[in-house]
Amino acid sequence: MEITGNTFIVTGGAQGPGKAIGSQLAAKGGRVALVDMNGEVLEKAVIECRLSGSWQAESEGQLSR
């Protein structure tokens, strides 16, 4: 799969596996949107990713039908 230049939406992106996956995708050149229900933790995750040089977007909420 080509990562560079593609856009990825990562649910559960504030912590744990979601945060790790989002960071790896961004580090490999992907455009990443982190989505999580916990806005406070999500904000911290995005700050950490931006400080490491990764590009991230964020959205607090839940993806559902």
Protein backbone atom coordinates (compact mmCIF):
# COMPACT_ATOMS: atom_id res chain seq x y z
CA MET A 1 0.00 0.00 0.00
CA GLU A 2 1.28 3.47 -0.87
CA ILE A 3 1.28 5.70 2.22
CA THR A 4 3.00 8.87 1.04
CA GLY A 5 0.45 11.49 0.01
CA ASN A 6 -2.61 9.44 0.96
CA THR A 7 -5.09 10.42 3.66
CA PHE A 8 -5.90 8.16 6.62
CA ILE A 9 -8.57 8.48 9.31
CA VAL A 10 -7.53 6.75 12.52
CA THR A 11 -10.25 6.11 15.09
CA GLY A 12 -9.18 5.70 18.69
CA GLY A 13 -6.25 7.92 17.79
CA ALA A 14 -5.73 9.52 21.20
CA GLN A 15 -3.85 6.67 22.78
CA GLY A 16 -2.62 3.11 22.46
CA PRO A 17 -2.65 1.35 19.08
CA GLY A 18 -4.57 4.13 17.31
CA LYS A 19 -2.05 6.76 18.34
CA ALA A 20 0.86 4.50 17.34
CA ILE A 21 -0.67 3.71 13.94
CA GLY A 22 -1.40 7.39 13.28
CA SER A 23 2.14 8.40 14.19
CA GLN A 24 3.65 5.72 11.94
CA LEU A 25 1.47 6.69 8.98
CA ALA A 26 2.37 10.36 9.39
CA ALA A 27 6.07 9.54 9.72
CA LYS A 28 5.86 7.69 6.39
CA GLY A 29 4.33 10.70 4.64
CA GLY A 30 0.63 10.07 5.10
CA ARG A 31 -1.90 12.78 5.91
CA VAL A 32 -3.53 11.61 9.14
CA ALA A 33 -6.73 12.61 10.89
CA LEU A 34 -6.92 11.36 14.48
CA VAL A 35 -10.45 10.82 15.78
CA ASP A 36 -11.32 9.98 19.38
CA MET A 37 -14.18 10.47 21.84
CA ASN A 38 -11.82 11.74 24.54
CA GLY A 39 -11.04 15.29 23.43
CA GLU A 40 -8.63 16.07 26.25
CA VAL A 41 -6.40 13.06 25.61
CA LEU A 42 -6.73 13.59 21.84
CA GLU A 43 -5.45 17.15 22.15
CA LYS A 44 -2.36 15.92 24.02
CA ALA A 45 -1.74 13.20 21.41
CA VAL A 46 -1.91 15.71 18.57
CA ILE A 47 0.50 18.07 20.35
CA GLU A 48 2.97 15.20 20.86
CA CYS A 49 2.72 14.20 17.20
CA ARG A 50 3.21 17.75 15.96
CA LEU A 51 6.24 18.21 18.20
CA SER A 52 7.78 15.09 16.69
CA GLY A 53 7.38 16.59 13.23
CA SER A 54 4.36 14.56 12.15
CA TRP A 55 1.43 16.31 10.51
CA GLN A 56 -1.90 15.53 12.14
CA ALA A 57 -5.46 16.74 12.13
CA GLU A 58 -7.84 16.05 14.97
CA SER A 59 -11.53 15.57 15.54
CA GLU A 60 -13.32 14.82 18.77
CA GLY A 61 -16.31 12.57 18.28
CA GLN A 62 -17.55 9.18 17.30
CA LEU A 63 -17.79 7.73 13.82
CA SER A 64 -21.10 5.92 13.45
CA ARG A 65 -24.01 5.51 11.07
